[in-house]
């Protein structure tokens, strides 16, 4: 989506190091919450939609070994924030 269509795009690298402090079996769950909280904080929005590719990437190695960082492309459309994985 381009600026003319009303949307704005940004790429964020979200650190997930703090997820390692959670119990092993909760780490991927906690990573998804961290991603959502990060995007809410940085975009100042209350409504964030995460794409399925982000979920698949976090859960790729199971619940105990999420990635230590993840890159997402964020598109703003009015009050809705959509995030998808950057590859």
C-alpha atoms as a PDB file:
ATOM      1  CA  UNK A   1       0.000   0.000   0.000  1.00  0.00           C
ATOM      2  CA  UNK A   2       1.356   3.428  -0.887  1.00  0.00           C
ATOM      3  CA  UNK A   3       1.018   6.804   0.801  1.00  0.00           C
ATOM      4  CA  UNK A   4      -1.601   7.901  -1.733  1.00  0.00           C
ATOM      5  CA  UNK A   5      -3.955   5.105  -0.692  1.00  0.00           C
ATOM      6  CA  UNK A   6      -3.906   6.298   2.910  1.00  0.00           C
ATOM      7  CA  UNK A   7      -1.663   3.577   4.402  1.00  0.00           C
ATOM      8  CA  UNK A   8       1.785   3.873   5.934  1.00  0.00           C
ATOM      9  CA  UNK A   9       4.391   1.121   5.992  1.00  0.00           C
ATOM     10  CA  UNK A  10       7.270   0.566   8.381  1.00  0.00           C
ATOM     11  CA  UNK A  11       9.594  -2.319   9.141  1.00  0.00           C
ATOM     12  CA  UNK A  12      10.345  -3.135  12.771  1.00  0.00           C
ATOM     13  CA  UNK A  13      12.882  -5.545  14.226  1.00  0.00           C
ATOM     14  CA  UNK A  14      11.277  -6.751  17.442  1.00  0.00           C
ATOM     15  CA  UNK A  15      13.638  -8.141  20.100  1.00  0.00           C
ATOM     16  CA  UNK A  16      12.290 -11.220  21.860  1.00  0.00           C
ATOM     17  CA  UNK A  17      15.172 -11.806  24.286  1.00  0.00           C
ATOM     18  CA  UNK A  18      12.984 -11.228  27.349  1.00  0.00           C
ATOM     19  CA  UNK A  19      10.852 -14.203  26.334  1.00  0.00           C
ATOM     20  CA  UNK A  20      13.655 -16.444  27.651  1.00  0.00           C
ATOM     21  CA  UNK A  21      12.676 -15.391  31.192  1.00  0.00           C
ATOM     22  CA  UNK A  22       9.306 -17.133  30.843  1.00  0.00           C
ATOM     23  CA  UNK A  23       8.943 -20.835  31.689  1.00  0.00           C
ATOM     24  CA  UNK A  24      10.106 -23.000  28.775  1.00  0.00           C
ATOM     25  CA  UNK A  25       6.659 -24.256  27.833  1.00  0.00           C
ATOM     26  CA  UNK A  26       5.185 -20.707  27.716  1.00  0.00           C
ATOM     27  CA  UNK A  27       7.842 -19.016  25.579  1.00  0.00           C
ATOM     28  CA  UNK A  28       6.131 -18.940  22.187  1.00  0.00           C
ATOM     29  CA  UNK A  29       2.862 -17.798  23.782  1.00  0.00           C
ATOM     30  CA  UNK A  30       4.774 -15.021  25.525  1.00  0.00           C
ATOM     31  CA  UNK A  31       6.553 -14.083  22.260  1.00  0.00           C
ATOM     32  CA  UNK A  32       3.228 -13.456  20.501  1.00  0.00           C
ATOM     33  CA  UNK A  33       2.115 -11.234  23.398  1.00  0.00           C
ATOM     34  CA  UNK A  34       5.447  -9.359  23.284  1.00  0.00           C
ATOM     35  CA  UNK A  35       5.086  -8.724  19.543  1.00  0.00           C
ATOM     36  CA  UNK A  36       1.558  -7.371  20.012  1.00  0.00           C
ATOM     37  CA  UNK A  37       2.615  -5.157  22.961  1.00  0.00           C
ATOM     38  CA  UNK A  38       5.644  -3.832  21.034  1.00  0.00           C
ATOM     39  CA  UNK A  39       3.499  -2.867  18.049  1.00  0.00           C
ATOM     40  CA  UNK A  40       0.842  -1.258  20.248  1.00  0.00           C
ATOM     41  CA  UNK A  41       3.519   0.784  22.008  1.00  0.00           C
ATOM     42  CA  UNK A  42       5.313   1.900  18.841  1.00  0.00           C
ATOM     43  CA  UNK A  43       2.267   2.618  16.678  1.00  0.00           C
ATOM     44  CA  UNK A  44       0.138   4.104  19.498  1.00  0.00           C
ATOM     45  CA  UNK A  45      -2.780   1.953  18.420  1.00  0.00           C
ATOM     46  CA  UNK A  46      -5.067  -0.311  20.429  1.00  0.00           C
ATOM     47  CA  UNK A  47      -5.973  -2.642  17.565  1.00  0.00           C
ATOM     48  CA  UNK A  48      -3.226  -4.816  16.028  1.00  0.00           C
ATOM     49  CA  UNK A  49      -3.793  -7.660  13.564  1.00  0.00           C
ATOM     50  CA  UNK A  50      -0.952 -10.182  13.308  1.00  0.00           C
ATOM     51  CA  UNK A  51      -0.631 -12.167  10.097  1.00  0.00           C
ATOM     52  CA  UNK A  52      -0.538 -15.972  10.268  1.00  0.00           C
ATOM     53  CA  UNK A  53       3.057 -15.949   8.944  1.00  0.00           C
ATOM     54  CA  UNK A  54       4.240 -14.297  12.179  1.00  0.00           C
ATOM     55  CA  UNK A  55       2.537 -17.002  14.226  1.00  0.00           C
ATOM     56  CA  UNK A  56       4.057 -19.744  12.061  1.00  0.00           C
ATOM     57  CA  UNK A  57       7.552 -18.243  12.394  1.00  0.00           C
ATOM     58  CA  UNK A  58       7.331 -17.987  16.198  1.00  0.00           C
ATOM     59  CA  UNK A  59       5.965 -21.533  16.575  1.00  0.00           C
ATOM     60  CA  UNK A  60       8.292 -23.024  13.905  1.00  0.00           C
ATOM     61  CA  UNK A  61      10.551 -24.682  16.502  1.00  0.00           C
ATOM     62  CA  UNK A  62       7.850 -25.418  19.058  1.00  0.00           C
ATOM     63  CA  UNK A  63       6.724 -23.699  22.219  1.00  0.00           C
ATOM     64  CA  UNK A  64      10.125 -23.769  23.921  1.00  0.00           C
ATOM     65  CA  UNK A  65      12.388 -22.184  21.295  1.00  0.00           C
ATOM     66  CA  UNK A  66      10.979 -19.003  19.738  1.00  0.00           C
ATOM     67  CA  UNK A  67      13.350 -16.806  17.681  1.00  0.00           C
ATOM     68  CA  UNK A  68      15.349 -14.168  19.567  1.00  0.00           C
ATOM     69  CA  UNK A  69      14.179 -11.427  17.189  1.00  0.00           C
ATOM     70  CA  UNK A  70      11.657 -11.080  14.405  1.00  0.00           C
ATOM     71  CA  UNK A  71      11.252  -8.570  11.559  1.00  0.00           C
ATOM     72  CA  UNK A  72       7.744  -7.417  10.688  1.00  0.00           C
ATOM     73  CA  UNK A  73       6.291  -5.030   8.124  1.00  0.00           C
ATOM     74  CA  UNK A  74       3.573  -2.853   9.618  1.00  0.00           C
ATOM     75  CA  UNK A  75       0.866  -1.214   7.536  1.00  0.00           C
ATOM     76  CA  UNK A  76      -1.391   1.425   9.080  1.00  0.00           C
ATOM     77  CA  UNK A  77      -4.894   1.809   7.709  1.00  0.00           C
ATOM     78  CA  UNK A  78      -6.884   4.376   9.704  1.00  0.00           C
ATOM     79  CA  UNK A  79      -6.949   2.882  13.251  1.00  0.00           C
ATOM     80  CA  UNK A  80      -6.106  -0.679  12.188  1.00  0.00           C
ATOM     81  CA  UNK A  81      -2.516  -1.901  12.316  1.00  0.00           C
ATOM     82  CA  UNK A  82      -1.655  -4.951  10.186  1.00  0.00           C
ATOM     83  CA  UNK A  83       1.644  -6.754  10.694  1.00  0.00           C
ATOM     84  CA  UNK A  84       3.179  -9.397   8.429  1.00  0.00           C
ATOM     85  CA  UNK A  85       6.521 -11.174   8.364  1.00  0.00           C
ATOM     86  CA  UNK A  86       9.421  -9.718   6.351  1.00  0.00           C
ATOM     87  CA  UNK A  87      11.403 -12.336   4.394  1.00  0.00           C
END
